[in-house]
């Protein structure tokens, strides 16, 4: 009898606390992995662009080369600006997806908790009725 009650309590504890904690942790890790991946990709692309511009500057040997470099620099800034805008949108979408999934998880767990509480209340009520007889 004691083992059955202990097993039931352990399962309820797992259902109420540990299972939601594991689900939220998995969601958080997935989000973090995606965010870090995006940040690493962004950093690499910006570093590559900077290095390319530094190498191009080394190739400047006369005024015409300097004019071409400045023109390329303007194009690079424009391209990087567009890239930054797209990258910002990607991060915003990641954040929105994480918030949506977190909310869904919280709602599911709240519903599960309410159902479990109702079941426990019903079981306790039935047990009290049996003991009263």
C-alpha atoms as a PDB file:
ATOM      1  CA  UNK A   1       0.000   0.000   0.000  1.00  0.00           C
ATOM      2  CA  UNK A   2       2.783   2.394   0.971  1.00  0.00           C
ATOM      3  CA  UNK A   3       4.691   1.635  -2.244  1.00  0.00           C
ATOM      4  CA  UNK A   4       1.579   2.238  -4.346  1.00  0.00           C
ATOM      5  CA  UNK A   5       0.992   5.620  -2.685  1.00  0.00           C
ATOM      6  CA  UNK A   6       4.664   6.513  -3.000  1.00  0.00           C
ATOM      7  CA  UNK A   7       4.671   5.561  -6.699  1.00  0.00           C
ATOM      8  CA  UNK A   8       1.512   7.590  -7.264  1.00  0.00           C
ATOM      9  CA  UNK A   9       3.017  10.606  -5.484  1.00  0.00           C
ATOM     10  CA  UNK A  10       6.232  10.270  -7.457  1.00  0.00           C
ATOM     11  CA  UNK A  11       4.307  10.137 -10.742  1.00  0.00           C
ATOM     12  CA  UNK A  12       2.235  13.166  -9.745  1.00  0.00           C
ATOM     13  CA  UNK A  13       5.385  15.091  -8.810  1.00  0.00           C
ATOM     14  CA  UNK A  14       6.922  14.159 -12.156  1.00  0.00           C
ATOM     15  CA  UNK A  15       3.771  15.139 -14.045  1.00  0.00           C
ATOM     16  CA  UNK A  16       3.344  18.418 -12.180  1.00  0.00           C
ATOM     17  CA  UNK A  17       6.940  19.641 -11.912  1.00  0.00           C
ATOM     18  CA  UNK A  18       9.631  17.609 -13.605  1.00  0.00           C
ATOM     19  CA  UNK A  19       7.934  16.933 -16.926  1.00  0.00           C
ATOM     20  CA  UNK A  20       7.080  20.618 -17.535  1.00  0.00           C
ATOM     21  CA  UNK A  21      10.572  21.591 -16.373  1.00  0.00           C
ATOM     22  CA  UNK A  22      12.152  19.178 -18.862  1.00  0.00           C
ATOM     23  CA  UNK A  23       9.892  20.433 -21.656  1.00  0.00           C
ATOM     24  CA  UNK A  24      10.695  24.078 -20.949  1.00  0.00           C
ATOM     25  CA  UNK A  25      14.408  23.292 -20.619  1.00  0.00           C
ATOM     26  CA  UNK A  26      14.384  21.528 -23.984  1.00  0.00           C
ATOM     27  CA  UNK A  27      12.600  24.506 -25.531  1.00  0.00           C
ATOM     28  CA  UNK A  28      15.107  26.923 -23.982  1.00  0.00           C
ATOM     29  CA  UNK A  29      18.095  24.908 -25.158  1.00  0.00           C
ATOM     30  CA  UNK A  30      16.686  24.695 -28.680  1.00  0.00           C
ATOM     31  CA  UNK A  31      16.080  28.459 -28.714  1.00  0.00           C
ATOM     32  CA  UNK A  32      19.569  29.173 -27.346  1.00  0.00           C
ATOM     33  CA  UNK A  33      21.147  26.902 -29.925  1.00  0.00           C
ATOM     34  CA  UNK A  34      19.328  28.658 -32.768  1.00  0.00           C
ATOM     35  CA  UNK A  35      20.134  32.117 -31.398  1.00  0.00           C
ATOM     36  CA  UNK A  36      23.818  31.342 -30.875  1.00  0.00           C
ATOM     37  CA  UNK A  37      23.996  29.794 -34.348  1.00  0.00           C
ATOM     38  CA  UNK A  38      22.486  32.927 -35.866  1.00  0.00           C
ATOM     39  CA  UNK A  39      24.869  35.148 -33.915  1.00  0.00           C
ATOM     40  CA  UNK A  40      27.879  33.109 -34.989  1.00  0.00           C
ATOM     41  CA  UNK A  41      26.751  33.252 -38.609  1.00  0.00           C
ATOM     42  CA  UNK A  42      26.278  37.013 -38.379  1.00  0.00           C
ATOM     43  CA  UNK A  43      29.638  37.552 -36.731  1.00  0.00           C
ATOM     44  CA  UNK A  44      31.414  35.483 -39.366  1.00  0.00           C
ATOM     45  CA  UNK A  45      29.754  37.264 -42.267  1.00  0.00           C
ATOM     46  CA  UNK A  46      30.568  40.712 -40.832  1.00  0.00           C
ATOM     47  CA  UNK A  47      34.146  39.682 -40.039  1.00  0.00           C
ATOM     48  CA  UNK A  48      34.567  38.286 -43.560  1.00  0.00           C
ATOM     49  CA  UNK A  49      33.271  41.542 -45.060  1.00  0.00           C
ATOM     50  CA  UNK A  50      35.629  43.573 -42.873  1.00  0.00           C
ATOM     51  CA  UNK A  51      38.613  41.455 -43.832  1.00  0.00           C
ATOM     52  CA  UNK A  52      37.707  41.706 -47.514  1.00  0.00           C
ATOM     53  CA  UNK A  53      37.563  45.490 -47.205  1.00  0.00           C
ATOM     54  CA  UNK A  54      40.918  45.569 -45.400  1.00  0.00           C
ATOM     55  CA  UNK A  55      42.478  43.471 -48.171  1.00  0.00           C
ATOM     56  CA  UNK A  56      40.933  45.711 -50.818  1.00  0.00           C
ATOM     57  CA  UNK A  57      42.429  48.755 -49.094  1.00  0.00           C
ATOM     58  CA  UNK A  58      45.864  47.146 -49.348  1.00  0.00           C
ATOM     59  CA  UNK A  59      45.396  46.957 -53.118  1.00  0.00           C
ATOM     60  CA  UNK A  60      44.941  50.740 -53.472  1.00  0.00           C
ATOM     61  CA  UNK A  61      47.956  52.114 -55.313  1.00  0.00           C
ATOM     62  CA  UNK A  62      46.689  55.338 -56.891  1.00  0.00           C
ATOM     63  CA  UNK A  63      43.822  57.837 -56.839  1.00  0.00           C
ATOM     64  CA  UNK A  64      41.730  55.762 -59.233  1.00  0.00           C
ATOM     65  CA  UNK A  65      42.173  52.736 -56.972  1.00  0.00           C
ATOM     66  CA  UNK A  66      41.136  54.855 -53.989  1.00  0.00           C
ATOM     67  CA  UNK A  67      37.996  56.023 -55.815  1.00  0.00           C
ATOM     68  CA  UNK A  68      37.123  52.415 -56.655  1.00  0.00           C
ATOM     69  CA  UNK A  69      37.741  51.404 -53.058  1.00  0.00           C
ATOM     70  CA  UNK A  70      35.463  54.155 -51.728  1.00  0.00           C
ATOM     71  CA  UNK A  71      32.776  53.151 -54.238  1.00  0.00           C
ATOM     72  CA  UNK A  72      33.074  49.492 -53.178  1.00  0.00           C
ATOM     73  CA  UNK A  73      32.998  50.584 -49.538  1.00  0.00           C
ATOM     74  CA  UNK A  74      29.658  52.316 -50.106  1.00  0.00           C
ATOM     75  CA  UNK A  75      28.252  49.182 -51.750  1.00  0.00           C
ATOM     76  CA  UNK A  76      29.527  47.064 -48.886  1.00  0.00           C
ATOM     77  CA  UNK A  77      27.909  49.343 -46.309  1.00  0.00           C
ATOM     78  CA  UNK A  78      24.624  49.164 -48.221  1.00  0.00           C
ATOM     79  CA  UNK A  79      24.832  45.361 -48.444  1.00  0.00           C
ATOM     80  CA  UNK A  80      25.712  45.028 -44.771  1.00  0.00           C
ATOM     81  CA  UNK A  81      22.831  47.346 -43.846  1.00  0.00           C
ATOM     82  CA  UNK A  82      20.401  45.135 -45.746  1.00  0.00           C
ATOM     83  CA  UNK A  83      21.941  42.067 -44.174  1.00  0.00           C
ATOM     84  CA  UNK A  84      21.609  43.586 -40.712  1.00  0.00           C
ATOM     85  CA  UNK A  85      17.951  44.291 -41.348  1.00  0.00           C
ATOM     86  CA  UNK A  86      17.339  40.679 -42.450  1.00  0.00           C
ATOM     87  CA  UNK A  87      19.344  39.311 -39.531  1.00  0.00           C
ATOM     88  CA  UNK A  88      17.408  41.453 -37.066  1.00  0.00           C
ATOM     89  CA  UNK A  89      14.158  40.116 -38.505  1.00  0.00           C
ATOM     90  CA  UNK A  90      15.448  36.563 -38.094  1.00  0.00           C
ATOM     91  CA  UNK A  91      16.202  37.173 -34.410  1.00  0.00           C
ATOM     92  CA  UNK A  92      12.792  38.800 -33.884  1.00  0.00           C
ATOM     93  CA  UNK A  93      11.122  35.740 -35.437  1.00  0.00           C
ATOM     94  CA  UNK A  94      13.154  33.425 -33.184  1.00  0.00           C
ATOM     95  CA  UNK A  95      12.051  35.416 -30.140  1.00  0.00           C
ATOM     96  CA  UNK A  96       8.406  35.400 -31.212  1.00  0.00           C
ATOM     97  CA  UNK A  97       8.499  31.642 -31.840  1.00  0.00           C
ATOM     98  CA  UNK A  98      10.065  31.039 -28.425  1.00  0.00           C
ATOM     99  CA  UNK A  99       7.458  33.217 -26.694  1.00  0.00           C
ATOM    100  CA  UNK A 100       4.605  31.466 -28.515  1.00  0.00           C
ATOM    101  CA  UNK A 101       5.877  27.987 -27.692  1.00  0.00           C
ATOM    102  CA  UNK A 102       6.550  28.967 -24.077  1.00  0.00           C
ATOM    103  CA  UNK A 103       3.007  30.257 -23.720  1.00  0.00           C
ATOM    104  CA  UNK A 104       1.564  27.100 -25.284  1.00  0.00           C
ATOM    105  CA  UNK A 105       3.639  24.978 -22.924  1.00  0.00           C
ATOM    106  CA  UNK A 106       2.480  26.986 -19.901  1.00  0.00           C
ATOM    107  CA  UNK A 107      -1.167  26.692 -20.961  1.00  0.00           C
ATOM    108  CA  UNK A 108      -0.848  22.948 -21.499  1.00  0.00           C
ATOM    109  CA  UNK A 109       0.780  22.472 -18.105  1.00  0.00           C
ATOM    110  CA  UNK A 110      -1.826  24.617 -16.366  1.00  0.00           C
ATOM    111  CA  UNK A 111      -4.601  22.563 -17.956  1.00  0.00           C
ATOM    112  CA  UNK A 112      -2.864  19.328 -16.958  1.00  0.00           C
ATOM    113  CA  UNK A 113      -2.455  20.589 -13.395  1.00  0.00           C
ATOM    114  CA  UNK A 114      -6.104  21.560 -13.165  1.00  0.00           C
ATOM    115  CA  UNK A 115      -7.192  18.143 -14.451  1.00  0.00           C
ATOM    116  CA  UNK A 116      -4.895  16.429 -11.965  1.00  0.00           C
ATOM    117  CA  UNK A 117      -6.235  18.531  -9.092  1.00  0.00           C
ATOM    118  CA  UNK A 118      -9.812  17.699 -10.070  1.00  0.00           C
ATOM    119  CA  UNK A 119      -8.967  13.993 -10.256  1.00  0.00           C
ATOM    120  CA  UNK A 120      -7.280  14.091  -6.851  1.00  0.00           C
ATOM    121  CA  UNK A 121     -10.203  15.962  -5.321  1.00  0.00           C
ATOM    122  CA  UNK A 122     -12.621  13.421  -6.735  1.00  0.00           C
ATOM    123  CA  UNK A 123     -10.506  10.519  -5.440  1.00  0.00           C
ATOM    124  CA  UNK A 124     -10.254  12.099  -1.986  1.00  0.00           C
ATOM    125  CA  UNK A 125     -13.999  12.686  -1.917  1.00  0.00           C
ATOM    126  CA  UNK A 126     -14.697   9.069  -2.866  1.00  0.00           C
ATOM    127  CA  UNK A 127     -12.239   7.830  -0.228  1.00  0.00           C
ATOM    128  CA  UNK A 128     -13.943   9.964   2.426  1.00  0.00           C
ATOM    129  CA  UNK A 129     -17.358   8.652   1.427  1.00  0.00           C
ATOM    130  CA  UNK A 130     -16.115   5.053   1.655  1.00  0.00           C
ATOM    131  CA  UNK A 131     -14.580   5.608   5.082  1.00  0.00           C
ATOM    132  CA  UNK A 132     -17.767   7.265   6.330  1.00  0.00           C
ATOM    133  CA  UNK A 133     -19.795   4.170   5.483  1.00  0.00           C
END
